[in-house]
Amino acid sequence: MAYNPQLPNIFVYTGNPNTHVAGNAGTVSGGPPPDLCWDGTNNILYACTTTGNAASAVWSSLVPTSASAYRILSAASVAGGTANALTVSTNGAIATAQQGHLLVYRTGPSANASGAVTIAADTSGAIALQLNGNSTIPAGTLPANSICVADFDGTYWRHVSATPAPLGITPDRAPSGALLGTAAFADAAQLTPSKSYQVPVTGKVVSFDPGTAGDYHSAIVGNPHTYVMEPAGTLATQTFTFPATARDGQIVTITSTQIVTTATFNGGTFVGAPAALAANTPVRFVFIADTGKWYIF
């Protein structure tokens, strides 16, 4: 059989094409490939997986699994709405939250009350926030006037950390006006520590790197950064994934109220990483940019 290449139809739409764009899912072999649609608002490529008209065609987003696919959404202004029903406007102006989105936002003058908390980022709609898989958020988890981080797992926003905001710093800008991710913002972030608290179970992955998948997330925002674990009992195994690089002098402290029998550290290059964690005995790492390694101290 002669090879007869066929190119897909490619559409462009300003947002999620579902219920808006007709499409053809194509065939498995020998026929035309599925139609593609570029979401020009959120910079996401969709493929048609069910043929139909504009109302019935099903489009599935093609989200890469590499770290480059993870996008940081930052809100320059304080969150609106209420302390338990937050609304934020981000640099991404998203219409749909996507798995891998990391949201950095700042709370208003009131902490959340105990109960359900939702976040509506741009026009994506109100989505429940979870803490350790639980949608009942304890009062004060989101303190007033704090820089908070959440990541989207495809269904829920998951609370990562909350850090009191130093004077003059907004979620995505330093006092100089430098954007998140620049050296100026990194310098400003070192003015205050960050921390997160979780109740993990055994055999899971704790990720300190927003570009790496994990069962629990503890994004490094400030310096030093502290991760506190309070499991119900001894953890047989636990894996900690660090970023391969960080700001020079970044300190990360890990402490657990229970023994971790086998501790695995990956993602970066480590010198002196322990094979286990003792109860109530903090372990501290510092990143040295000259060598690109994490050292225990």
C-alpha atoms as a PDB file:
ATOM      1  CA  MET A   1       0.000   0.000   0.000  1.00  0.00           C
ATOM      2  CA  ALA A   2       1.409   3.354  -0.999  1.00  0.00           C
ATOM      3  CA  TYR A   3       1.862   5.873   1.784  1.00  0.00           C
ATOM      4  CA  ASN A   4      -0.589   8.716   1.355  1.00  0.00           C
ATOM      5  CA  PRO A   5       0.001  11.342   4.033  1.00  0.00           C
ATOM      6  CA  GLN A   6      -2.995  13.444   5.018  1.00  0.00           C
ATOM      7  CA  LEU A   7      -2.830  16.598   7.043  1.00  0.00           C
ATOM      8  CA  PRO A   8      -5.345  17.379   9.792  1.00  0.00           C
ATOM      9  CA  ASN A   9      -7.718  20.318   9.682  1.00  0.00           C
ATOM     10  CA  ILE A  10      -6.472  22.950  12.108  1.00  0.00           C
ATOM     11  CA  PHE A  11      -8.846  25.481  13.652  1.00  0.00           C
ATOM     12  CA  VAL A  12      -8.219  28.440  15.911  1.00  0.00           C
ATOM     13  CA  TYR A  13     -10.636  29.457  18.676  1.00  0.00           C
ATOM     14  CA  THR A  14     -10.347  31.972  21.500  1.00  0.00           C
ATOM     15  CA  GLY A  15     -10.937  29.551  24.377  1.00  0.00           C
ATOM     16  CA  ASN A  16     -11.951  25.934  24.962  1.00  0.00           C
ATOM     17  CA  PRO A  17     -13.443  24.662  21.660  1.00  0.00           C
ATOM     18  CA  ASN A  18     -15.932  22.286  23.352  1.00  0.00           C
ATOM     19  CA  THR A  19     -19.542  23.309  22.530  1.00  0.00           C
ATOM     20  CA  HIS A  20     -18.175  25.935  20.149  1.00  0.00           C
ATOM     21  CA  VAL A  21     -16.321  24.231  17.257  1.00  0.00           C
ATOM     22  CA  ALA A  22     -17.406  21.351  15.003  1.00  0.00           C
ATOM     23  CA  GLY A  23     -14.811  18.626  14.509  1.00  0.00           C
ATOM     24  CA  ASN A  24     -13.933  15.266  13.011  1.00  0.00           C
ATOM     25  CA  ALA A  25     -12.186  12.635  15.144  1.00  0.00           C
ATOM     26  CA  GLY A  26     -10.710  10.939  12.092  1.00  0.00           C
ATOM     27  CA  THR A  27      -9.981   7.214  11.857  1.00  0.00           C
ATOM     28  CA  VAL A  28      -7.464   4.887  13.445  1.00  0.00           C
ATOM     29  CA  SER A  29      -5.730   4.090  10.153  1.00  0.00           C
ATOM     30  CA  GLY A  30      -6.063   4.724   6.467  1.00  0.00           C
ATOM     31  CA  GLY A  31      -8.166   7.823   6.805  1.00  0.00           C
ATOM     32  CA  PRO A  32      -7.811  11.463   7.746  1.00  0.00           C
ATOM     33  CA  PRO A  33      -6.220  12.309  11.102  1.00  0.00           C
ATOM     34  CA  PRO A  34      -8.279  14.005  13.824  1.00  0.00           C
ATOM     35  CA  ASP A  35      -8.961  17.717  13.564  1.00  0.00           C
ATOM     36  CA  LEU A  36      -6.895  19.998  15.771  1.00  0.00           C
ATOM     37  CA  CYS A  37      -7.891  23.272  17.408  1.00  0.00           C
ATOM     38  CA  TRP A  38      -5.590  25.873  18.910  1.00  0.00           C
ATOM     39  CA  ASP A  39      -6.945  27.693  21.967  1.00  0.00           C
ATOM     40  CA  GLY A  40      -5.462  31.131  21.383  1.00  0.00           C
ATOM     41  CA  THR A  41      -6.552  32.394  24.805  1.00  0.00           C
ATOM     42  CA  ASN A  42      -4.901  29.742  26.980  1.00  0.00           C
ATOM     43  CA  ASN A  43      -2.256  28.545  24.478  1.00  0.00           C
ATOM     44  CA  ILE A  44      -3.515  24.942  24.523  1.00  0.00           C
ATOM     45  CA  LEU A  45      -3.771  22.517  21.598  1.00  0.00           C
ATOM     46  CA  TYR A  46      -6.898  20.320  21.406  1.00  0.00           C
ATOM     47  CA  ALA A  47      -7.601  17.212  19.315  1.00  0.00           C
ATOM     48  CA  CYS A  48     -11.103  16.161  18.313  1.00  0.00           C
ATOM     49  CA  THR A  49     -11.897  12.799  19.950  1.00  0.00           C
ATOM     50  CA  THR A  50     -15.621  12.569  19.093  1.00  0.00           C
ATOM     51  CA  THR A  51     -16.980  13.722  15.741  1.00  0.00           C
ATOM     52  CA  GLY A  52     -19.853  16.180  15.928  1.00  0.00           C
ATOM     53  CA  ASN A  53     -21.213  19.614  15.221  1.00  0.00           C
ATOM     54  CA  ALA A  54     -20.324  22.690  17.240  1.00  0.00           C
ATOM     55  CA  ALA A  55     -22.587  21.561  20.089  1.00  0.00           C
ATOM     56  CA  SER A  56     -21.663  17.853  20.229  1.00  0.00           C
ATOM     57  CA  ALA A  57     -18.025  17.496  19.107  1.00  0.00           C
ATOM     58  CA  VAL A  58     -15.661  16.519  21.927  1.00  0.00           C
ATOM     59  CA  TRP A  59     -12.220  18.139  22.059  1.00  0.00           C
ATOM     60  CA  SER A  60      -9.465  16.858  24.389  1.00  0.00           C
ATOM     61  CA  SER A  61      -6.545  19.036  25.391  1.00  0.00           C
ATOM     62  CA  LEU A  62      -3.062  17.821  24.536  1.00  0.00           C
ATOM     63  CA  VAL A  63      -1.167  18.702  27.711  1.00  0.00           C
ATOM     64  CA  PRO A  64       2.537  17.738  27.503  1.00  0.00           C
ATOM     65  CA  THR A  65       3.987  15.802  30.425  1.00  0.00           C
ATOM     66  CA  SER A  66       7.321  17.598  30.430  1.00  0.00           C
ATOM     67  CA  ALA A  67       8.143  20.190  33.059  1.00  0.00           C
ATOM     68  CA  SER A  68       7.868  22.924  30.437  1.00  0.00           C
ATOM     69  CA  ALA A  69       4.114  22.295  30.278  1.00  0.00           C
ATOM     70  CA  TYR A  70       3.607  23.444  33.838  1.00  0.00           C
ATOM     71  CA  ARG A  71       2.521  27.060  33.816  1.00  0.00           C
ATOM     72  CA  ILE A  72       2.704  29.526  36.689  1.00  0.00           C
ATOM     73  CA  LEU A  73      -0.362  31.722  36.997  1.00  0.00           C
ATOM     74  CA  SER A  74       0.207  34.773  39.160  1.00  0.00           C
ATOM     75  CA  ALA A  75      -2.264  37.381  40.385  1.00  0.00           C
ATOM     76  CA  ALA A  76      -0.954  40.928  40.595  1.00  0.00           C
ATOM     77  CA  SER A  77      -3.836  42.134  42.771  1.00  0.00           C
ATOM     78  CA  VAL A  78      -5.385  40.895  46.006  1.00  0.00           C
ATOM     79  CA  ALA A  79      -8.013  38.178  45.573  1.00  0.00           C
ATOM     80  CA  GLY A  80     -11.604  39.375  45.439  1.00  0.00           C
ATOM     81  CA  GLY A  81     -14.815  37.678  46.499  1.00  0.00           C
ATOM     82  CA  THR A  82     -14.851  36.411  50.072  1.00  0.00           C
ATOM     83  CA  ALA A  83     -12.295  34.556  52.193  1.00  0.00           C
ATOM     84  CA  ASN A  84     -14.041  31.237  51.370  1.00  0.00           C
ATOM     85  CA  ALA A  85     -14.998  32.047  47.765  1.00  0.00           C
ATOM     86  CA  LEU A  86     -11.950  33.662  46.203  1.00  0.00           C
ATOM     87  CA  THR A  87     -11.817  35.279  42.782  1.00  0.00           C
ATOM     88  CA  VAL A  88      -8.457  36.029  41.190  1.00  0.00           C
ATOM     89  CA  SER A  89      -7.321  37.644  37.954  1.00  0.00           C
ATOM     90  CA  THR A  90      -4.078  36.156  36.652  1.00  0.00           C
ATOM     91  CA  ASN A  91      -1.437  36.871  34.043  1.00  0.00           C
ATOM     92  CA  GLY A  92      -2.750  33.870  32.063  1.00  0.00           C
ATOM     93  CA  ALA A  93      -6.360  35.097  31.703  1.00  0.00           C
ATOM     94  CA  ILE A  94      -7.438  31.443  31.599  1.00  0.00           C
ATOM     95  CA  ALA A  95     -10.871  30.207  30.610  1.00  0.00           C
ATOM     96  CA  THR A  96     -10.205  26.644  31.784  1.00  0.00           C
ATOM     97  CA  ALA A  97      -7.914  25.428  34.564  1.00  0.00           C
ATOM     98  CA  GLN A  98      -5.520  22.758  33.275  1.00  0.00           C
ATOM     99  CA  GLN A  99      -3.673  20.018  35.132  1.00  0.00           C
ATOM    100  CA  GLY A 100      -0.222  21.369  35.967  1.00  0.00           C
ATOM    101  CA  HIS A 101      -1.317  24.981  36.487  1.00  0.00           C
ATOM    102  CA  LEU A 102       0.357  26.483  39.552  1.00  0.00           C
ATOM    103  CA  LEU A 103      -1.534  29.455  40.983  1.00  0.00           C
ATOM    104  CA  VAL A 104       0.160  32.138  43.100  1.00  0.00           C
ATOM    105  CA  TYR A 105      -2.273  34.575  44.696  1.00  0.00           C
ATOM    106  CA  ARG A 106      -2.654  36.918  47.653  1.00  0.00           C
ATOM    107  CA  THR A 107      -5.467  36.754  50.188  1.00  0.00           C
ATOM    108  CA  GLY A 108      -7.370  39.792  51.421  1.00  0.00           C
ATOM    109  CA  PRO A 109      -7.814  41.192  54.938  1.00  0.00           C
ATOM    110  CA  SER A 110      -9.692  38.139  56.300  1.00  0.00           C
ATOM    111  CA  ALA A 111      -8.621  34.532  56.861  1.00  0.00           C
ATOM    112  CA  ASN A 112     -10.872  31.715  55.686  1.00  0.00           C
ATOM    113  CA  ALA A 113     -13.492  30.210  57.979  1.00  0.00           C
ATOM    114  CA  SER A 114     -13.730  26.444  58.500  1.00  0.00           C
ATOM    115  CA  GLY A 115     -15.528  24.709  55.635  1.00  0.00           C
ATOM    116  CA  ALA A 116     -15.475  24.650  51.859  1.00  0.00           C
ATOM    117  CA  VAL A 117     -13.248  27.064  49.934  1.00  0.00           C
ATOM    118  CA  THR A 118     -13.468  27.755  46.202  1.00  0.00           C
ATOM    119  CA  ILE A 119     -11.158  29.595  43.817  1.00  0.00           C
ATOM    120  CA  ALA A 120     -12.354  31.151  40.577  1.00  0.00           C
ATOM    121  CA  ALA A 121      -9.299  31.994  38.470  1.00  0.00           C
ATOM    122  CA  ASP A 122     -10.189  34.412  35.681  1.00  0.00           C
ATOM    123  CA  THR A 123     -13.240  32.967  33.868  1.00  0.00           C
ATOM    124  CA  SER A 124     -12.587  29.297  34.742  1.00  0.00           C
ATOM    125  CA  GLY A 125     -15.411  29.209  37.313  1.00  0.00           C
ATOM    126  CA  ALA A 126     -15.398  28.386  41.017  1.00  0.00           C
ATOM    127  CA  ILE A 127     -13.399  25.211  41.729  1.00  0.00           C
ATOM    128  CA  ALA A 128     -13.094  23.591  45.149  1.00  0.00           C
ATOM    129  CA  LEU A 129      -9.801  23.885  47.036  1.00  0.00           C
ATOM    130  CA  GLN A 130      -8.560  20.731  48.761  1.00  0.00           C
ATOM    131  CA  LEU A 131      -6.085  20.153  51.589  1.00  0.00           C
ATOM    132  CA  ASN A 132      -4.674  16.614  51.825  1.00  0.00           C
ATOM    133  CA  GLY A 133      -7.595  15.337  49.728  1.00  0.00           C
ATOM    134  CA  ASN A 134     -10.183  16.971  51.973  1.00  0.00           C
ATOM    135  CA  SER A 135     -12.528  19.730  50.826  1.00  0.00           C
ATOM    136  CA  THR A 136     -13.224  20.885  54.394  1.00  0.00           C
ATOM    137  CA  ILE A 137     -10.495  23.472  54.897  1.00  0.00           C
ATOM    138  CA  PRO A 138      -9.609  24.313  58.528  1.00  0.00           C
ATOM    139  CA  ALA A 139     -10.096  27.916  59.591  1.00  0.00           C
ATOM    140  CA  GLY A 140      -6.986  30.033  59.057  1.00  0.00           C
ATOM    141  CA  THR A 141      -5.404  27.758  56.416  1.00  0.00           C
ATOM    142  CA  LEU A 142      -5.427  30.828  54.173  1.00  0.00           C
ATOM    143  CA  PRO A 143      -4.278  33.598  56.530  1.00  0.00           C
ATOM    144  CA  ALA A 144      -5.117  37.213  55.847  1.00  0.00           C
ATOM    145  CA  ASN A 145      -2.716  39.164  53.626  1.00  0.00           C
ATOM    146  CA  SER A 146      -0.694  36.110  52.644  1.00  0.00           C
ATOM    147  CA  ILE A 147       0.919  34.821  49.478  1.00  0.00           C
ATOM    148  CA  CYS A 148      -0.682  31.440  48.771  1.00  0.00           C
ATOM    149  CA  VAL A 149       0.119  28.716  46.264  1.00  0.00           C
ATOM    150  CA  ALA A 150      -2.226  26.085  44.828  1.00  0.00           C
ATOM    151  CA  ASP A 151      -1.829  23.594  42.000  1.00  0.00           C
ATOM    152  CA  PHE A 152      -4.568  22.107  39.811  1.00  0.00           C
ATOM    153  CA  ASP A 153      -4.768  18.298  39.649  1.00  0.00           C
ATOM    154  CA  GLY A 154      -7.338  18.202  36.865  1.00  0.00           C
ATOM    155  CA  THR A 155     -10.336  18.292  39.218  1.00  0.00           C
ATOM    156  CA  TYR A 156      -9.473  20.395  42.258  1.00  0.00           C
ATOM    157  CA  TRP A 157      -7.135  23.176  43.298  1.00  0.00           C
ATOM    158  CA  ARG A 158      -4.787  21.682  45.926  1.00  0.00           C
ATOM    159  CA  HIS A 159      -3.461  23.946  48.652  1.00  0.00           C
ATOM    160  CA  VAL A 160       0.349  23.953  48.678  1.00  0.00           C
ATOM    161  CA  SER A 161       1.465  26.740  51.013  1.00  0.00           C
ATOM    162  CA  ALA A 162       0.600  30.083  52.595  1.00  0.00           C
ATOM    163  CA  THR A 163       3.208  32.682  53.568  1.00  0.00           C
ATOM    164  CA  PRO A 164       2.580  36.084  55.191  1.00  0.00           C
ATOM    165  CA  ALA A 165       3.366  38.693  52.550  1.00  0.00           C
ATOM    166  CA  PRO A 166       6.176  41.129  53.386  1.00  0.00           C
ATOM    167  CA  LEU A 167       5.396  44.800  52.890  1.00  0.00           C
ATOM    168  CA  GLY A 168       5.498  45.883  49.266  1.00  0.00           C
ATOM    169  CA  ILE A 169       5.489  42.418  47.698  1.00  0.00           C
ATOM    170  CA  THR A 170       2.540  41.173  45.638  1.00  0.00           C
ATOM    171  CA  PRO A 171       2.176  37.600  44.377  1.00  0.00           C
ATOM    172  CA  ASP A 172       3.937  38.233  41.073  1.00  0.00           C
ATOM    173  CA  ARG A 173       5.942  41.427  41.593  1.00  0.00           C
ATOM    174  CA  ALA A 174       8.766  42.594  43.788  1.00  0.00           C
ATOM    175  CA  PRO A 175       8.903  46.210  45.060  1.00  0.00           C
ATOM    176  CA  SER A 176      10.958  47.119  41.992  1.00  0.00           C
ATOM    177  CA  GLY A 177       8.144  45.859  39.767  1.00  0.00           C
ATOM    178  CA  ALA A 178      10.084  42.775  38.643  1.00  0.00           C
ATOM    179  CA  LEU A 179       7.894  39.854  37.636  1.00  0.00           C
ATOM    180  CA  LEU A 180       7.752  36.449  39.271  1.00  0.00           C
ATOM    181  CA  GLY A 181      10.660  34.284  38.135  1.00  0.00           C
ATOM    182  CA  THR A 182      13.148  37.129  37.774  1.00  0.00           C
ATOM    183  CA  ALA A 183      16.219  37.664  39.931  1.00  0.00           C
ATOM    184  CA  ALA A 184      14.678  40.751  41.551  1.00  0.00           C
ATOM    185  CA  PHE A 185      11.622  38.804  42.655  1.00  0.00           C
ATOM    186  CA  ALA A 186      13.819  35.971  43.937  1.00  0.00           C
ATOM    187  CA  ASP A 187      15.783  38.461  46.037  1.00  0.00           C
ATOM    188  CA  ALA A 188      12.548  39.879  47.473  1.00  0.00           C
ATOM    189  CA  ALA A 189      11.211  36.403  48.260  1.00  0.00           C
ATOM    190  CA  GLN A 190      14.215  35.790  50.501  1.00  0.00           C
ATOM    191  CA  LEU A 191      12.906  38.451  52.879  1.00  0.00           C
ATOM    192  CA  THR A 192      10.436  35.982  54.367  1.00  0.00           C
ATOM    193  CA  PRO A 193      10.315  32.223  55.051  1.00  0.00           C
ATOM    194  CA  SER A 194       7.708  29.878  53.607  1.00  0.00           C
ATOM    195  CA  LYS A 195       6.273  26.663  54.982  1.00  0.00           C
ATOM    196  CA  SER A 196       3.688  23.952  54.405  1.00  0.00           C
ATOM    197  CA  TYR A 197       2.092  21.311  56.610  1.00  0.00           C
ATOM    198  CA  GLN A 198       0.653  17.974  55.520  1.00  0.00           C
ATOM    199  CA  VAL A 199      -0.563  14.657  56.935  1.00  0.00           C
ATOM    200  CA  PRO A 200       0.935  12.208  54.437  1.00  0.00           C
ATOM    201  CA  VAL A 201       0.548   8.461  54.148  1.00  0.00           C
ATOM    202  CA  THR A 202       3.322   6.017  53.314  1.00  0.00           C
ATOM    203  CA  GLY A 203       4.690   5.325  49.862  1.00  0.00           C
ATOM    204  CA  LYS A 204       3.949   8.742  48.398  1.00  0.00           C
ATOM    205  CA  VAL A 205       5.968  11.442  46.602  1.00  0.00           C
ATOM    206  CA  VAL A 206       6.426  14.903  48.112  1.00  0.00           C
ATOM    207  CA  SER A 207       7.383  17.375  45.381  1.00  0.00           C
ATOM    208  CA  PHE A 208       9.156  20.658  46.114  1.00  0.00           C
ATOM    209  CA  ASP A 209       9.310  21.319  42.356  1.00  0.00           C
ATOM    210  CA  PRO A 210       6.078  22.605  40.723  1.00  0.00           C
ATOM    211  CA  GLY A 211       7.227  21.159  37.404  1.00  0.00           C
ATOM    212  CA  THR A 212       7.336  17.614  38.791  1.00  0.00           C
ATOM    213  CA  ALA A 213       4.360  15.386  39.534  1.00  0.00           C
ATOM    214  CA  GLY A 214       3.807  14.331  43.140  1.00  0.00           C
ATOM    215  CA  ASP A 215       1.164  13.111  45.575  1.00  0.00           C
ATOM    216  CA  TYR A 216       1.870  16.075  47.874  1.00  0.00           C
ATOM    217  CA  HIS A 217       3.228  19.478  46.870  1.00  0.00           C
ATOM    218  CA  SER A 218       5.248  21.966  48.910  1.00  0.00           C
ATOM    219  CA  ALA A 219       6.399  24.675  46.510  1.00  0.00           C
ATOM    220  CA  ILE A 220       9.552  26.539  47.542  1.00  0.00           C
ATOM    221  CA  VAL A 221       8.428  30.171  47.665  1.00  0.00           C
ATOM    222  CA  GLY A 222      10.527  31.840  50.374  1.00  0.00           C
ATOM    223  CA  ASN A 223      13.867  31.211  52.019  1.00  0.00           C
ATOM    224  CA  PRO A 224      14.148  29.231  54.216  1.00  0.00           C
ATOM    225  CA  HIS A 225      11.360  26.830  53.302  1.00  0.00           C
ATOM    226  CA  THR A 226      10.061  24.364  55.908  1.00  0.00           C
ATOM    227  CA  TYR A 227       8.024  21.227  55.264  1.00  0.00           C
ATOM    228  CA  VAL A 228       6.281  19.738  58.315  1.00  0.00           C
ATOM    229  CA  MET A 229       4.791  16.229  58.233  1.00  0.00           C
ATOM    230  CA  GLU A 230       2.475  14.836  60.894  1.00  0.00           C
ATOM    231  CA  PRO A 231       1.562  11.311  59.746  1.00  0.00           C
ATOM    232  CA  ALA A 232      -0.637   9.046  61.846  1.00  0.00           C
ATOM    233  CA  GLY A 233       2.217   6.582  62.381  1.00  0.00           C
ATOM    234  CA  THR A 234       5.565   5.379  61.045  1.00  0.00           C
ATOM    235  CA  LEU A 235       6.005   5.818  57.287  1.00  0.00           C
ATOM    236  CA  ALA A 236       7.672   2.806  55.686  1.00  0.00           C
ATOM    237  CA  THR A 237       8.776   4.781  52.616  1.00  0.00           C
ATOM    238  CA  GLN A 238       8.597   8.356  51.414  1.00  0.00           C
ATOM    239  CA  THR A 239      10.130  10.093  48.391  1.00  0.00           C
ATOM    240  CA  PHE A 240      11.125  13.766  48.296  1.00  0.00           C
ATOM    241  CA  THR A 241      11.593  15.397  44.880  1.00  0.00           C
ATOM    242  CA  PHE A 242      13.668  18.600  44.845  1.00  0.00           C
ATOM    243  CA  PRO A 243      14.195  21.001  41.939  1.00  0.00           C
ATOM    244  CA  ALA A 244      17.470  20.377  40.118  1.00  0.00           C
ATOM    245  CA  THR A 245      18.383  24.047  40.597  1.00  0.00           C
ATOM    246  CA  ALA A 246      17.339  26.764  43.033  1.00  0.00           C
ATOM    247  CA  ARG A 247      18.426  30.212  44.215  1.00  0.00           C
ATOM    248  CA  ASP A 248      21.920  30.220  45.680  1.00  0.00           C
ATOM    249  CA  GLY A 249      21.724  29.613  49.434  1.00  0.00           C
ATOM    250  CA  GLN A 250      18.162  28.247  49.349  1.00  0.00           C
ATOM    251  CA  ILE A 251      17.452  26.288  52.530  1.00  0.00           C
ATOM    252  CA  VAL A 252      14.867  23.514  52.794  1.00  0.00           C
ATOM    253  CA  THR A 253      14.021  21.916  56.132  1.00  0.00           C
ATOM    254  CA  ILE A 254      12.044  18.676  56.443  1.00  0.00           C
ATOM    255  CA  THR A 255      10.706  17.449  59.771  1.00  0.00           C
ATOM    256  CA  SER A 256       8.349  14.614  60.644  1.00  0.00           C
ATOM    257  CA  THR A 257       6.619  13.765  63.914  1.00  0.00           C
ATOM    258  CA  GLN A 258       6.974  10.068  62.997  1.00  0.00           C
ATOM    259  CA  ILE A 259       9.827   7.892  61.739  1.00  0.00           C
ATOM    260  CA  VAL A 260      10.342   7.533  57.981  1.00  0.00           C
ATOM    261  CA  THR A 261      12.034   4.146  57.664  1.00  0.00           C
ATOM    262  CA  THR A 262      13.232   4.623  54.081  1.00  0.00           C
ATOM    263  CA  ALA A 263      13.627   8.143  52.710  1.00  0.00           C
ATOM    264  CA  THR A 264      14.502   8.716  49.051  1.00  0.00           C
ATOM    265  CA  PHE A 265      15.683  12.072  47.700  1.00  0.00           C
ATOM    266  CA  ASN A 266      15.690  12.757  43.962  1.00  0.00           C
ATOM    267  CA  GLY A 267      15.332  15.494  41.374  1.00  0.00           C
ATOM    268  CA  GLY A 268      18.611  17.145  42.343  1.00  0.00           C
ATOM    269  CA  THR A 269      22.175  16.158  43.239  1.00  0.00           C
ATOM    270  CA  PHE A 270      22.563  15.514  46.971  1.00  0.00           C
ATOM    271  CA  VAL A 271      25.543  15.315  49.277  1.00  0.00           C
ATOM    272  CA  GLY A 272      24.889  13.561  52.588  1.00  0.00           C
ATOM    273  CA  ALA A 273      21.159  12.906  52.121  1.00  0.00           C
ATOM    274  CA  PRO A 274      19.921  10.556  54.869  1.00  0.00           C
ATOM    275  CA  ALA A 275      18.450   7.133  54.141  1.00  0.00           C
ATOM    276  CA  ALA A 276      15.831   7.551  56.878  1.00  0.00           C
ATOM    277  CA  LEU A 277      14.236  10.290  58.993  1.00  0.00           C
ATOM    278  CA  ALA A 278      14.040  10.151  62.777  1.00  0.00           C
ATOM    279  CA  ALA A 279      10.958  11.460  64.536  1.00  0.00           C
ATOM    280  CA  ASN A 280      11.051  15.149  65.481  1.00  0.00           C
ATOM    281  CA  THR A 281      14.585  15.516  64.093  1.00  0.00           C
ATOM    282  CA  PRO A 282      14.718  18.166  61.337  1.00  0.00           C
ATOM    283  CA  VAL A 283      16.867  17.578  58.270  1.00  0.00           C
ATOM    284  CA  ARG A 284      18.178  20.701  56.509  1.00  0.00           C
ATOM    285  CA  PHE A 285      19.535  21.118  52.992  1.00  0.00           C
ATOM    286  CA  VAL A 286      21.188  24.146  51.397  1.00  0.00           C
ATOM    287  CA  PHE A 287      21.627  24.643  47.643  1.00  0.00           C
ATOM    288  CA  ILE A 288      25.034  25.896  46.457  1.00  0.00           C
ATOM    289  CA  ALA A 289      24.831  27.359  42.959  1.00  0.00           C
ATOM    290  CA  ASP A 290      28.599  27.031  42.363  1.00  0.00           C
ATOM    291  CA  THR A 291      28.321  23.236  42.411  1.00  0.00           C
ATOM    292  CA  GLY A 292      24.622  22.793  41.582  1.00  0.00           C
ATOM    293  CA  LYS A 293      24.173  20.482  44.575  1.00  0.00           C
ATOM    294  CA  TRP A 294      22.036  20.200  47.709  1.00  0.00           C
ATOM    295  CA  TYR A 295      24.102  19.738  50.886  1.00  0.00           C
ATOM    296  CA  ILE A 296      22.876  18.557  54.267  1.00  0.00           C
ATOM    297  CA  PHE A 297      23.958  20.708  57.210  1.00  0.00           C
END
